[in-house]
Amino acid sequence: MAISSKTGLGMLVGKVAESLGTTKKSARGIVGRVISCLEGILADNIGTDGFSVKLGKFGKLTIRHRPASVRRIPLTGEKRLTCGRRKVRFTALGRLRSIERVPLPANPTIASTGGPQK
């Protein structure tokens, strides 16, 4: 079962309060300020392709620009120009990156895809 983002935020606030020896209310304010500062830095530099903010051994936030492209609508066959996009991508680093990958089983078996048999 997935944990909601509000629960995750509550867990983060609890850890910050415990580590700083402060109340959860003041820890919530600190976490909120840090998040708003990150958001402000990324918003100020959204026009710069490749801009990144490295957060120690935790991870890196990178801005990527995707140019506009021509797409064909399958139903009508019409071609349309899509808008360019600016995305913020998170890349895990350190311990989080190492535990992110799940090892393969010792004897992996490949399931049949239902395609034609030889």
Protein backbone atom coordinates (compact mmCIF):
# COMPACT_ATOMS: atom_id res chain seq x y z
CA MET A 1 0.00 0.00 0.00
CA ALA A 2 1.35 3.43 -0.94
CA ILE A 3 1.89 6.14 1.66
CA SER A 4 0.30 9.50 0.86
CA SER A 5 2.46 12.57 0.32
CA LYS A 6 0.97 14.24 3.41
CA THR A 7 2.05 11.28 5.52
CA GLY A 8 5.54 11.48 3.98
CA LEU A 9 5.70 15.20 4.74
CA GLY A 10 4.62 14.50 8.31
CA MET A 11 7.41 11.91 8.63
CA LEU A 12 9.95 14.44 7.32
CA VAL A 13 8.73 17.11 9.72
CA GLY A 14 8.98 14.63 12.60
CA LYS A 15 12.56 13.69 11.68
CA VAL A 16 13.59 17.36 11.36
CA ALA A 17 11.99 18.22 14.73
CA GLU A 18 13.73 15.26 16.38
CA SER A 19 17.12 16.05 14.86
CA LEU A 20 16.97 19.77 15.72
CA GLY A 21 15.37 19.23 19.13
CA THR A 22 12.47 21.55 18.32
CA THR A 23 8.70 21.35 18.06
CA LYS A 24 6.92 19.91 15.05
CA LYS A 25 5.30 23.28 14.40
CA SER A 26 8.65 25.08 14.01
CA ALA A 27 10.07 22.13 12.05
CA ARG A 28 7.11 22.36 9.64
CA GLY A 29 7.98 26.04 9.10
CA ILE A 30 11.63 25.20 8.42
CA VAL A 31 10.74 22.45 5.94
CA GLY A 32 8.25 24.79 4.24
CA ARG A 33 10.89 27.52 3.88
CA VAL A 34 13.46 25.13 2.42
CA ILE A 35 10.93 23.82 -0.11
CA SER A 36 9.83 27.33 -1.10
CA CYS A 37 13.49 28.40 -1.52
CA LEU A 38 14.15 25.39 -3.80
CA GLU A 39 11.02 26.20 -5.77
CA GLY A 40 12.10 29.84 -6.11
CA ILE A 41 15.60 28.95 -7.32
CA LEU A 42 14.21 26.53 -9.92
CA ALA A 43 11.53 29.02 -11.03
CA ASP A 44 14.13 31.81 -11.44
CA ASN A 45 16.30 29.56 -13.62
CA ILE A 46 13.60 27.66 -15.55
CA GLY A 47 14.78 29.31 -18.78
CA THR A 48 18.29 27.86 -18.43
CA ASP A 49 18.57 24.40 -19.99
CA GLY A 50 20.79 22.12 -17.90
CA PHE A 51 20.59 24.21 -14.71
CA SER A 52 20.89 21.94 -11.67
CA VAL A 53 20.76 22.12 -7.88
CA LYS A 54 22.75 19.41 -6.10
CA LEU A 55 21.48 18.52 -2.64
CA GLY A 56 24.54 16.89 -1.08
CA LYS A 57 24.43 13.10 -1.17
CA PHE A 58 20.62 13.09 -1.47
CA GLY A 59 20.06 13.99 -5.11
CA LYS A 60 20.10 16.53 -7.90
CA LEU A 61 17.29 18.57 -9.48
CA THR A 62 17.97 19.37 -13.15
CA ILE A 63 16.01 21.52 -15.60
CA ARG A 64 15.65 20.02 -19.07
CA HIS A 65 14.13 21.68 -22.13
CA ARG A 66 12.32 19.59 -24.73
CA PRO A 67 11.79 21.34 -28.06
CA ALA A 68 8.46 21.52 -29.85
CA SER A 69 7.81 18.65 -32.26
CA VAL A 70 5.38 17.74 -35.03
CA ARG A 71 3.00 14.91 -34.08
CA ARG A 72 0.46 13.09 -36.21
CA ILE A 73 -3.03 12.60 -34.75
CA PRO A 74 -3.85 8.91 -35.46
CA LEU A 75 -7.63 9.36 -35.79
CA THR A 76 -7.57 12.17 -38.36
CA GLY A 77 -4.06 11.93 -39.78
CA GLU A 78 -3.66 15.67 -39.09
CA LYS A 79 -0.21 16.94 -38.17
CA ARG A 80 0.12 19.33 -35.25
CA LEU A 81 2.98 21.19 -33.65
CA THR A 82 3.22 20.42 -29.92
CA CYS A 83 4.47 22.96 -27.41
CA GLY A 84 7.99 22.78 -26.07
CA ARG A 85 8.34 21.66 -22.46
CA ARG A 86 10.55 22.58 -19.55
CA LYS A 87 10.83 19.75 -17.04
CA VAL A 88 12.47 19.42 -13.65
CA ARG A 89 14.03 15.99 -13.21
CA PHE A 90 15.21 14.44 -9.93
CA THR A 91 18.22 12.12 -9.93
CA ALA A 92 18.92 10.14 -6.76
CA LEU A 93 22.50 10.08 -5.45
CA GLY A 94 24.40 8.31 -2.68
CA ARG A 95 22.65 5.74 -0.52
CA LEU A 96 19.26 6.37 -2.10
CA ARG A 97 20.64 5.53 -5.54
CA SER A 98 22.25 2.32 -4.33
CA ILE A 99 19.05 0.99 -2.71
CA GLU A 100 16.88 2.12 -5.62
CA ARG A 101 17.80 -0.87 -7.77
CA VAL A 102 16.31 -4.29 -7.12
CA PRO A 103 18.73 -7.19 -7.79
CA LEU A 104 17.80 -9.85 -10.33
CA PRO A 105 16.84 -13.29 -9.03
CA ALA A 106 19.50 -16.05 -9.20
CA ASN A 107 17.72 -17.99 -11.98
CA PRO A 108 15.66 -15.47 -13.97
CA THR A 109 13.03 -16.90 -16.27
CA ILE A 110 11.66 -14.90 -19.14
CA ALA A 111 7.89 -15.14 -19.43
CA SER A 112 6.34 -15.79 -22.81
CA THR A 113 5.05 -12.66 -24.49
CA GLY A 114 2.30 -14.52 -26.31
CA GLY A 115 3.93 -13.94 -29.70
CA PRO A 116 4.40 -16.52 -32.41
CA GLN A 117 6.30 -19.63 -31.36
CA LYS A 118 9.21 -20.98 -33.43
